[in-house]
């Protein structure tokens, strides 16, 4: 059960903070096109994703 969700907009980045019932915070980073490219878990583990750009 989540306790709190916050959203921060910084140039070309959308950062969502999610705080669980124990007070631990998970952060989700999205780019300007709303693609998630990094998740920082409350356990201090991090995950990054790589998105292929379409060929032009």
C-alpha atoms as a PDB file:
ATOM      1  CA  UNK A   1       0.000   0.000   0.000  1.00  0.00           C
ATOM      2  CA  UNK A   2       1.522   3.336  -1.081  1.00  0.00           C
ATOM      3  CA  UNK A   3       1.556   6.229   1.306  1.00  0.00           C
ATOM      4  CA  UNK A   4       2.549   9.175  -0.903  1.00  0.00           C
ATOM      5  CA  UNK A   5       3.228  10.047  -4.549  1.00  0.00           C
ATOM      6  CA  UNK A   6       4.885  13.270  -5.720  1.00  0.00           C
ATOM      7  CA  UNK A   7       5.727  14.541  -9.187  1.00  0.00           C
ATOM      8  CA  UNK A   8       8.532  16.964 -10.090  1.00  0.00           C
ATOM      9  CA  UNK A   9       9.063  18.522 -13.514  1.00  0.00           C
ATOM     10  CA  UNK A  10      12.597  19.581 -14.369  1.00  0.00           C
ATOM     11  CA  UNK A  11      13.801  20.545 -17.840  1.00  0.00           C
ATOM     12  CA  UNK A  12      13.012  17.569 -20.105  1.00  0.00           C
ATOM     13  CA  UNK A  13      12.670  15.194 -17.127  1.00  0.00           C
ATOM     14  CA  UNK A  14       9.648  14.016 -15.173  1.00  0.00           C
ATOM     15  CA  UNK A  15      10.577  12.571 -11.795  1.00  0.00           C
ATOM     16  CA  UNK A  16       7.992  10.659  -9.777  1.00  0.00           C
ATOM     17  CA  UNK A  17       8.648   9.948  -6.084  1.00  0.00           C
ATOM     18  CA  UNK A  18       6.702   7.074  -4.558  1.00  0.00           C
ATOM     19  CA  UNK A  19       6.872   6.576  -0.781  1.00  0.00           C
ATOM     20  CA  UNK A  20       5.673   3.276   0.629  1.00  0.00           C
ATOM     21  CA  UNK A  21       3.933   2.684   3.958  1.00  0.00           C
ATOM     22  CA  UNK A  22       7.288   2.261   5.737  1.00  0.00           C
ATOM     23  CA  UNK A  23       8.573   5.615   4.462  1.00  0.00           C
ATOM     24  CA  UNK A  24      10.976   4.225   1.830  1.00  0.00           C
ATOM     25  CA  UNK A  25      11.161   6.179  -1.434  1.00  0.00           C
ATOM     26  CA  UNK A  26      11.303   4.863  -5.015  1.00  0.00           C
ATOM     27  CA  UNK A  27      12.077   7.318  -7.849  1.00  0.00           C
ATOM     28  CA  UNK A  28      11.008   6.891 -11.480  1.00  0.00           C
ATOM     29  CA  UNK A  29      12.695   9.085 -14.115  1.00  0.00           C
ATOM     30  CA  UNK A  30      10.942   9.745 -17.447  1.00  0.00           C
ATOM     31  CA  UNK A  31      12.217  11.675 -20.455  1.00  0.00           C
ATOM     32  CA  UNK A  32      10.375  14.384 -22.392  1.00  0.00           C
ATOM     33  CA  UNK A  33       8.535  11.693 -24.421  1.00  0.00           C
ATOM     34  CA  UNK A  34       7.402  10.022 -21.156  1.00  0.00           C
ATOM     35  CA  UNK A  35       9.647   6.960 -21.583  1.00  0.00           C
ATOM     36  CA  UNK A  36      10.969   5.571 -18.306  1.00  0.00           C
ATOM     37  CA  UNK A  37      14.762   5.441 -18.434  1.00  0.00           C
ATOM     38  CA  UNK A  38      15.731   4.932 -14.785  1.00  0.00           C
ATOM     39  CA  UNK A  39      14.161   3.578 -11.615  1.00  0.00           C
ATOM     40  CA  UNK A  40      15.869   4.090  -8.268  1.00  0.00           C
ATOM     41  CA  UNK A  41      14.366   1.606  -5.826  1.00  0.00           C
ATOM     42  CA  UNK A  42      13.962   2.204  -2.110  1.00  0.00           C
ATOM     43  CA  UNK A  43      16.514  -0.561  -1.467  1.00  0.00           C
ATOM     44  CA  UNK A  44      19.162   1.659  -3.170  1.00  0.00           C
ATOM     45  CA  UNK A  45      19.251  -0.618  -6.190  1.00  0.00           C
ATOM     46  CA  UNK A  46      18.958   1.099  -9.515  1.00  0.00           C
ATOM     47  CA  UNK A  47      17.739  -0.017 -12.914  1.00  0.00           C
ATOM     48  CA  UNK A  48      18.358   1.736 -16.198  1.00  0.00           C
ATOM     49  CA  UNK A  49      16.740   1.070 -19.522  1.00  0.00           C
ATOM     50  CA  UNK A  50      18.044   1.754 -22.994  1.00  0.00           C
ATOM     51  CA  UNK A  51      15.644   2.744 -25.722  1.00  0.00           C
ATOM     52  CA  UNK A  52      16.559   2.295 -29.381  1.00  0.00           C
ATOM     53  CA  UNK A  53      15.925   5.278 -31.601  1.00  0.00           C
ATOM     54  CA  UNK A  54      14.116   4.476 -34.831  1.00  0.00           C
ATOM     55  CA  UNK A  55      16.279   4.553 -37.968  1.00  0.00           C
ATOM     56  CA  UNK A  56      15.719   7.581 -40.170  1.00  0.00           C
END
